[in-house]
Amino acid sequence: MSVLIAVDKFKGSLTQSQISKVVAEFLSAQGVESTTIPLADGGDGSIAALISLGWQPKTIKVTGPLDNEHDADYAISPDGKRVAIEVAELCGIRYLRGKTNPWQASSAAIGEAIKAVKPANYDELLVCIGGSASVDGGIGILQTLGISVFDFKHKSVSNGLHGLQETVGVDFESVDFVKSNLFGSCKITILSDTKNALLGRNGAIFAFGKQKGLNLLGLLRAEIAMRRWFKICQSNFPQIRPNTEGTGGAGGIGFIFKTFFDAQVTSGAEFFLAHSNAEAKIRPASLLITGEGRIDKTTLSGKGLHPLLELAQKHKVPVVLICGSAESATMRKIKSNFPIIGVVSLAESGLEMSHLMRNASQVLKQELSRKYLKDWK
């Protein structure tokens, strides 16, 4: 029996490598051989996945979403021609330490990273978007790069969503200078963990605003601000459309890169599957073990798990899902469409969430043992 392990992190409790290690050691104890590949989609853990694929890690200091300075990793490809940065690593929601603050959280650290890595020295800049703390429409990036975003008094706007609400204009004349000076001929590729567009019911605000700390009134105010921001940008870039896939990722950061810097938005999940040679490795496998911390409706809208399940279905490889918890409707849909033969969910242990978070590794071992013997040995 040959098992392929490809799991994403359990956010807040276990990293991708920790989960893979637990699963591989469990299988080894059963006399089963396994191979591990990284599973990433442009969100948390994308730089770590690139490093596991041979990219060279580098570290810079950035201010984070709320001026909380920290070290952040980026990565350079083995041939030295490409450089990658990750939004979650630079100004991700994890740096808020559980206290979301969308009205002040900024994307400025991404601009700081761009200035530090100097994309003009490379053929391609990869921007992994997902896991952001902000919903500022990317105005923090523009301001940090030297593109003025101003209010009705022609003064620089505040940080975060407050600033987006204040915005009435942009110094569009400075955009070409910034593009030439910082990016040169460097191609920019956005690795997005979502297909969501910028505006509307499935846009940056309504799809992801709640997890960033917005209540119902806040969602409405933020959507109004984002719609006005789109109109401001459209006055200078008339070709842009509000329904372009992937532009709603990371609070509108995908939109900024595509609109101002001609970035190509692509699926982060498909990028990582291709670069880890996933299809060639899944084809001969007897079993695929895959999963992520929370399986819900976003799992089927750009996350790394979905295209991997499609590969398993294509090559008729049975799948065991592992997760911290799962939304029942999404799980039913996955089971009806893909060759799922077992599910290992930490939430089914019956333990309190605080205990699960603190002891996730041990609980995962216990649930693997229980489900392996019962369902899919």
Protein backbone atom coordinates (compact mmCIF):
# COMPACT_ATOMS: atom_id res chain seq x y z
CA MET A 1 0.00 0.00 0.00
CA SER A 2 1.36 3.41 -1.01
CA VAL A 3 -0.14 6.50 0.60
CA LEU A 4 0.25 10.12 -0.52
CA ILE A 5 -0.04 12.72 2.26
CA ALA A 6 -0.95 16.29 1.24
CA VAL A 7 -2.44 18.34 4.07
CA ASP A 8 -2.86 22.01 4.86
CA LYS A 9 -2.30 23.55 8.29
CA PHE A 10 -4.82 23.54 11.15
CA LYS A 11 -4.71 27.27 11.72
CA GLY A 12 -3.79 28.15 15.30
CA SER A 13 -2.85 24.63 16.37
CA LEU A 14 -0.76 22.56 13.93
CA THR A 15 1.45 23.47 10.99
CA GLN A 16 1.41 21.57 7.72
CA SER A 17 4.69 19.82 8.55
CA GLN A 18 3.48 18.83 12.04
CA ILE A 19 0.31 17.22 10.67
CA SER A 20 2.23 15.42 7.93
CA LYS A 21 4.70 14.09 10.51
CA VAL A 22 1.92 12.75 12.75
CA VAL A 23 0.17 11.02 9.84
CA ALA A 24 3.40 9.60 8.37
CA GLU A 25 4.52 8.22 11.74
CA PHE A 26 1.11 6.66 12.33
CA LEU A 27 1.18 4.96 8.93
CA SER A 28 4.75 3.77 9.46
CA ALA A 29 3.68 2.12 12.71
CA GLN A 30 1.08 0.20 10.67
CA GLY A 31 3.76 -0.89 8.19
CA VAL A 32 2.47 1.45 5.49
CA GLU A 33 4.80 3.49 3.26
CA SER A 34 3.93 7.13 2.57
CA THR A 35 5.09 10.13 0.57
CA THR A 36 4.43 13.76 1.52
CA ILE A 37 3.92 16.79 -0.72
CA PRO A 38 3.11 20.35 0.45
CA LEU A 39 -0.46 21.58 0.10
CA ALA A 40 -0.77 25.34 -0.23
CA ASP A 41 -3.07 27.75 -2.04
CA GLY A 42 -1.62 31.24 -1.65
CA GLY A 43 -2.73 31.64 1.97
CA ASP A 44 -0.93 30.85 5.23
CA GLY A 45 2.03 28.55 4.76
CA SER A 46 2.71 29.33 1.08
CA ILE A 47 6.27 30.54 1.68
CA ALA A 48 6.95 27.48 3.84
CA ALA A 49 5.65 25.30 0.99
CA LEU A 50 7.96 27.00 -1.48
CA ILE A 51 10.91 26.49 0.87
CA SER A 52 10.05 22.78 1.09
CA LEU A 53 10.21 22.75 -2.73
CA GLY A 54 13.75 24.09 -2.70
CA TRP A 55 13.27 27.85 -2.67
CA GLN A 56 15.76 29.86 -0.58
CA PRO A 57 14.33 31.55 2.54
CA LYS A 58 15.11 35.19 3.33
CA THR A 59 13.92 37.39 6.21
CA ILE A 60 12.94 41.06 6.44
CA LYS A 61 11.37 43.27 9.11
CA VAL A 62 7.92 44.73 8.48
CA THR A 63 5.44 46.68 10.60
CA GLY A 64 2.56 44.20 10.37
CA PRO A 65 -1.14 45.09 10.21
CA LEU A 66 -1.16 47.32 13.30
CA ASP A 67 2.40 48.67 13.42
CA ASN A 68 3.52 45.60 15.37
CA GLU A 69 7.01 45.06 13.93
CA HIS A 70 8.04 41.48 13.27
CA ASP A 71 10.28 39.33 11.09
CA ALA A 72 8.73 37.95 7.92
CA ASP A 73 10.02 35.35 5.50
CA TYR A 74 10.06 35.58 1.73
CA ALA A 75 11.61 33.17 -0.77
CA ILE A 76 13.77 33.15 -3.88
CA SER A 77 13.53 30.42 -6.51
CA PRO A 78 16.45 27.98 -6.96
CA ASP A 79 17.45 29.67 -10.24
CA GLY A 80 17.31 33.13 -8.63
CA LYS A 81 14.87 34.46 -11.23
CA ARG A 82 11.71 34.63 -9.11
CA VAL A 83 10.88 36.04 -5.70
CA ALA A 84 7.78 35.35 -3.59
CA ILE A 85 6.10 37.20 -0.74
CA GLU A 86 3.12 36.12 1.35
CA VAL A 87 0.39 38.43 2.68
CA ALA A 88 -0.32 36.22 5.70
CA GLU A 89 3.38 36.30 6.60
CA LEU A 90 3.61 40.09 6.25
CA CYS A 91 0.34 41.41 7.67
CA GLY A 92 -1.78 38.36 8.35
CA ILE A 93 -4.64 38.00 10.77
CA ARG A 94 -2.47 35.90 13.08
CA TYR A 95 -0.54 39.02 14.08
CA LEU A 96 -3.69 40.46 15.68
CA ARG A 97 -3.47 37.78 18.40
CA GLY A 98 -7.18 37.08 18.28
CA LYS A 99 -8.23 40.75 18.43
CA THR A 100 -9.45 41.67 14.96
CA ASN A 101 -9.42 45.35 14.03
CA PRO A 102 -10.51 45.85 10.40
CA TRP A 103 -10.99 49.59 10.80
CA GLN A 104 -7.28 50.15 11.49
CA ALA A 105 -5.53 47.03 10.11
CA SER A 106 -3.41 47.99 7.11
CA SER A 107 -1.83 46.30 4.08
CA ALA A 108 1.18 48.63 4.28
CA ALA A 109 3.62 45.80 5.17
CA ILE A 110 3.18 44.42 1.64
CA GLY A 111 4.46 47.69 0.24
CA GLU A 112 7.38 47.54 2.67
CA ALA A 113 8.22 44.03 1.48
CA ILE A 114 8.12 45.07 -2.18
CA LYS A 115 10.54 47.90 -1.51
CA ALA A 116 12.83 45.53 0.39
CA VAL A 117 12.94 42.67 -2.14
CA LYS A 118 13.31 44.98 -5.18
CA PRO A 119 11.24 43.06 -7.76
CA ALA A 120 12.97 44.89 -10.64
CA ASN A 121 15.95 42.57 -10.00
CA TYR A 122 13.83 39.49 -10.82
CA ASP A 123 11.89 38.12 -13.77
CA GLU A 124 8.77 37.45 -11.70
CA LEU A 125 7.23 38.46 -8.38
CA LEU A 126 4.80 35.99 -6.83
CA VAL A 127 2.37 37.53 -4.33
CA CYS A 128 0.62 34.88 -2.24
CA ILE A 129 -2.62 36.43 -1.01
CA GLY A 130 -4.86 35.03 1.70
CA GLY A 131 -5.03 35.16 5.48
CA SER A 132 -4.90 38.97 5.59
CA ALA A 133 -5.92 41.05 8.59
CA SER A 134 -7.08 44.03 6.54
CA VAL A 135 -9.96 45.01 4.29
CA ASP A 136 -8.46 48.33 3.24
CA GLY A 137 -8.75 47.72 -0.51
CA GLY A 138 -4.95 47.78 -0.75
CA ILE A 139 -4.60 51.50 -0.04
CA GLY A 140 -1.87 50.76 2.51
CA ILE A 141 0.23 49.19 -0.26
CA LEU A 142 -0.17 52.20 -2.53
CA GLN A 143 0.72 54.70 0.19
CA THR A 144 3.83 52.78 1.21
CA LEU A 145 5.00 52.61 -2.41
CA GLY A 146 4.65 56.39 -2.74
CA ILE A 147 1.27 56.64 -4.45
CA SER A 148 -0.80 59.22 -2.56
CA VAL A 149 -4.33 58.26 -1.48
CA PHE A 150 -6.14 61.32 -0.16
CA ASP A 151 -9.34 62.59 1.48
CA PHE A 152 -11.54 65.56 0.55
CA LYS A 153 -8.99 67.95 2.14
CA HIS A 154 -6.29 66.40 -0.07
CA LYS A 155 -4.58 64.94 2.99
CA SER A 156 -3.33 61.35 3.27
CA VAL A 157 -6.06 59.04 4.54
CA SER A 158 -5.88 57.00 7.76
CA ASN A 159 -4.87 53.35 7.94
CA GLY A 160 -7.29 50.50 7.37
CA LEU A 161 -10.97 50.56 6.56
CA HIS A 162 -11.23 54.02 8.14
CA GLY A 163 -8.88 55.22 5.43
CA LEU A 164 -10.85 53.51 2.70
CA GLN A 165 -13.99 55.33 3.88
CA GLU A 166 -12.13 58.66 3.79
CA THR A 167 -10.71 58.16 0.28
CA VAL A 168 -11.86 60.46 -2.51
CA GLY A 169 -8.86 60.33 -4.83
CA VAL A 170 -5.48 58.87 -5.84
CA ASP A 171 -2.40 60.44 -7.38
CA PHE A 172 -2.65 58.37 -10.54
CA GLU A 173 0.15 60.38 -12.19
CA SER A 174 2.73 58.74 -9.89
CA VAL A 175 1.73 55.15 -10.77
CA ASP A 176 3.90 54.84 -13.90
CA PHE A 177 6.97 56.11 -12.03
CA VAL A 178 6.45 53.58 -9.23
CA LYS A 179 5.92 50.75 -11.73
CA SER A 180 9.08 51.61 -13.62
CA ASN A 181 11.24 52.27 -10.55
CA LEU A 182 10.18 49.31 -8.37
CA PHE A 183 9.01 46.66 -10.81
CA GLY A 184 10.80 47.40 -14.07
CA SER A 185 10.05 44.54 -16.48
CA CYS A 186 9.25 42.11 -13.64
CA LYS A 187 6.09 40.08 -14.22
CA ILE A 188 3.68 40.05 -11.25
CA THR A 189 1.63 36.95 -10.51
CA ILE A 190 -1.00 36.81 -7.79
CA LEU A 191 -1.43 33.36 -6.25
CA SER A 192 -4.95 33.60 -4.88
CA ASP A 193 -6.63 31.23 -2.44
CA THR A 194 -10.07 32.28 -3.63
CA LYS A 195 -12.00 32.88 -6.84
CA ASN A 196 -14.09 35.63 -5.25
CA ALA A 197 -14.43 38.96 -7.05
CA LEU A 198 -14.08 42.37 -5.39
CA LEU A 199 -17.71 43.39 -4.94
CA GLY A 200 -21.10 41.91 -4.16
CA ARG A 201 -22.50 39.09 -2.06
CA ASN A 202 -19.49 36.87 -2.73
CA GLY A 203 -16.97 39.71 -2.80
CA ALA A 204 -14.12 40.78 -0.54
CA ILE A 205 -16.39 42.23 2.15
CA PHE A 206 -19.41 39.95 2.40
CA ALA A 207 -17.46 36.72 1.90
CA PHE A 208 -14.56 37.46 4.25
CA GLY A 209 -15.37 40.59 6.28
CA LYS A 210 -16.92 38.71 9.19
CA GLN A 211 -13.77 36.67 9.84
CA LYS A 212 -11.82 39.94 9.89
CA GLY A 213 -14.06 41.38 12.60
CA LEU A 214 -16.91 43.18 10.84
CA ASN A 215 -20.47 42.99 12.18
CA LEU A 216 -23.53 43.37 9.93
CA LEU A 217 -23.48 47.19 9.99
CA GLY A 218 -19.73 47.13 9.45
CA LEU A 219 -20.15 44.86 6.43
CA LEU A 220 -22.60 47.30 4.86
CA ARG A 221 -20.38 50.32 5.53
CA ALA A 222 -17.33 48.50 4.21
CA GLU A 223 -19.10 47.36 1.02
CA ILE A 224 -20.16 50.96 0.33
CA ALA A 225 -16.57 52.13 0.83
CA MET A 226 -15.21 49.37 -1.43
CA ARG A 227 -17.71 50.21 -4.17
CA ARG A 228 -16.69 53.87 -4.04
CA TRP A 229 -13.03 52.80 -4.15
CA PHE A 230 -13.73 50.74 -7.27
CA LYS A 231 -15.36 53.74 -8.95
CA ILE A 232 -12.38 55.96 -8.08
CA CYS A 233 -10.00 53.43 -9.63
CA GLN A 234 -12.25 52.91 -12.66
CA SER A 235 -12.06 56.63 -13.43
CA ASN A 236 -8.40 56.08 -14.37
CA PHE A 237 -8.56 52.41 -15.40
CA PRO A 238 -11.85 52.18 -17.35
CA GLN A 239 -11.14 48.59 -18.46
CA ILE A 240 -11.48 47.10 -14.96
CA ARG A 241 -14.54 45.07 -13.97
CA PRO A 242 -15.95 44.37 -10.47
CA ASN A 243 -16.55 40.67 -11.15
CA THR A 244 -13.00 39.61 -12.10
CA GLU A 245 -12.16 36.34 -10.35
CA GLY A 246 -9.56 36.46 -7.59
CA THR A 247 -9.58 40.23 -7.11
CA GLY A 248 -11.55 39.94 -3.85
CA GLY A 249 -8.77 38.04 -2.10
CA ALA A 250 -7.13 39.52 1.02
CA GLY A 251 -9.48 42.47 1.38
CA GLY A 252 -9.00 43.73 -2.17
CA ILE A 253 -5.22 43.28 -2.42
CA GLY A 254 -5.63 41.16 -5.54
CA PHE A 255 -7.62 44.01 -7.08
CA ILE A 256 -4.86 46.54 -6.39
CA PHE A 257 -2.11 44.46 -7.99
CA LYS A 258 -4.17 43.67 -11.07
CA THR A 259 -5.48 47.22 -11.53
CA PHE A 260 -2.38 49.32 -10.76
CA PHE A 261 0.46 46.94 -11.64
CA ASP A 262 -0.97 44.70 -14.40
CA ALA A 263 -0.68 41.53 -12.31
CA GLN A 264 -1.99 38.20 -13.51
CA VAL A 265 -4.33 36.55 -11.00
CA THR A 266 -4.10 32.76 -10.92
CA SER A 267 -5.08 29.90 -8.64
CA GLY A 268 -2.56 29.41 -5.86
CA ALA A 269 -3.76 25.86 -5.36
CA GLU A 270 -3.13 24.90 -8.98
CA PHE A 271 0.30 26.56 -8.91
CA PHE A 272 1.44 24.52 -5.92
CA LEU A 273 -0.04 21.27 -7.22
CA ALA A 274 1.82 21.75 -10.49
CA HIS A 275 5.12 22.65 -8.82
CA SER A 276 4.95 19.71 -6.41
CA ASN A 277 4.23 17.36 -9.34
CA ALA A 278 1.07 16.26 -7.53
CA GLU A 279 -0.67 14.52 -10.41
CA ALA A 280 2.31 12.27 -11.15
CA LYS A 281 2.49 11.35 -7.47
CA ILE A 282 -1.22 10.77 -6.93
CA ARG A 283 -1.66 8.57 -10.04
CA PRO A 284 0.10 5.46 -8.61
CA ALA A 285 -1.04 5.99 -5.00
CA SER A 286 -3.27 3.48 -3.22
CA LEU A 287 -4.70 6.18 -0.96
CA LEU A 288 -4.66 9.97 -0.60
CA ILE A 289 -4.78 11.52 2.87
CA THR A 290 -5.58 15.20 2.65
CA GLY A 291 -7.44 17.93 4.51
CA GLU A 292 -7.33 21.29 6.25
CA GLY A 293 -8.26 22.86 9.56
CA ARG A 294 -11.83 23.81 8.68
CA ILE A 295 -13.77 22.29 5.80
CA ASP A 296 -16.55 24.68 4.78
CA LYS A 297 -17.96 26.36 1.69
CA THR A 298 -14.68 28.20 1.01
CA THR A 299 -13.02 24.78 0.57
CA LEU A 300 -14.72 24.51 -2.81
CA SER A 301 -13.93 28.06 -4.01
CA GLY A 302 -10.19 28.13 -4.63
CA LYS A 303 -8.64 26.42 -1.62
CA GLY A 304 -5.89 23.83 -2.17
CA LEU A 305 -8.04 20.87 -1.18
CA HIS A 306 -10.55 21.11 -4.03
CA PRO A 307 -8.26 20.61 -7.06
CA LEU A 308 -6.47 17.81 -5.20
CA LEU A 309 -9.79 16.01 -4.72
CA GLU A 310 -10.45 16.46 -8.43
CA LEU A 311 -7.14 14.75 -9.20
CA ALA A 312 -8.06 11.87 -6.89
CA GLN A 313 -11.38 11.51 -8.65
CA LYS A 314 -9.70 11.62 -12.08
CA HIS A 315 -7.31 8.80 -11.19
CA LYS A 316 -9.79 6.85 -9.04
CA VAL A 317 -7.68 7.13 -5.88
CA PRO A 318 -9.64 6.74 -2.62
CA VAL A 319 -9.38 9.62 -0.15
CA VAL A 320 -9.29 9.99 3.62
CA LEU A 321 -10.04 13.53 4.79
CA ILE A 322 -8.58 14.93 8.00
CA CYS A 323 -9.73 18.20 9.53
CA GLY A 324 -10.19 20.09 12.74
CA SER A 325 -13.90 20.54 12.06
CA ALA A 326 -16.29 20.45 9.13
CA GLU A 327 -19.45 22.16 7.96
CA SER A 328 -21.98 19.37 7.48
CA ALA A 329 -23.47 20.67 4.20
CA THR A 330 -20.04 21.02 2.58
CA MET A 331 -18.96 17.61 3.84
CA ARG A 332 -22.08 16.00 2.33
CA LYS A 333 -21.32 17.68 -0.98
CA ILE A 334 -17.70 16.51 -0.95
CA LYS A 335 -18.68 12.94 -0.07
CA SER A 336 -21.22 12.82 -2.90
CA ASN A 337 -18.78 14.12 -5.52
CA PHE A 338 -15.42 12.61 -4.60
CA PRO A 339 -14.10 9.11 -3.64
CA ILE A 340 -14.09 9.68 0.14
CA ILE A 341 -13.70 6.47 2.17
CA GLY A 342 -13.08 8.03 5.58
CA VAL A 343 -13.08 11.25 7.57
CA VAL A 344 -10.91 12.04 10.59
CA SER A 345 -12.28 15.10 12.37
CA LEU A 346 -10.79 16.31 15.64
CA ALA A 347 -14.13 17.86 16.57
CA GLU A 348 -15.68 14.36 16.68
CA SER A 349 -13.48 13.53 19.66
CA GLY A 350 -16.04 15.32 21.83
CA LEU A 351 -13.35 17.37 23.59
CA GLU A 352 -13.66 21.09 24.28
CA MET A 353 -12.19 23.40 21.64
CA SER A 354 -9.60 24.86 24.00
CA HIS A 355 -8.33 21.36 24.79
CA LEU A 356 -8.27 20.45 21.09
CA MET A 357 -6.22 23.52 20.22
CA ARG A 358 -3.67 22.81 22.96
CA ASN A 359 -3.43 19.06 22.30
CA ALA A 360 -4.19 18.82 18.60
CA SER A 361 -1.26 16.54 17.80
CA GLN A 362 -2.22 13.94 20.42
CA VAL A 363 -5.92 14.07 19.52
CA LEU A 364 -5.06 13.62 15.84
CA LYS A 365 -3.07 10.48 16.69
CA GLN A 366 -5.99 9.08 18.70
CA GLU A 367 -8.57 9.84 16.00
CA LEU A 368 -6.35 8.37 13.28
CA SER A 369 -6.04 5.15 15.24
CA ARG A 370 -9.76 4.92 15.95
CA LYS A 371 -10.86 5.68 12.38
CA TYR A 372 -8.15 3.57 10.73
CA LEU A 373 -9.26 0.43 12.50
CA LYS A 374 -12.95 1.16 12.12
CA ASP A 375 -13.39 2.60 8.64
CA TRP A 376 -10.51 2.38 6.20
CA LYS A 377 -7.91 -0.22 7.10
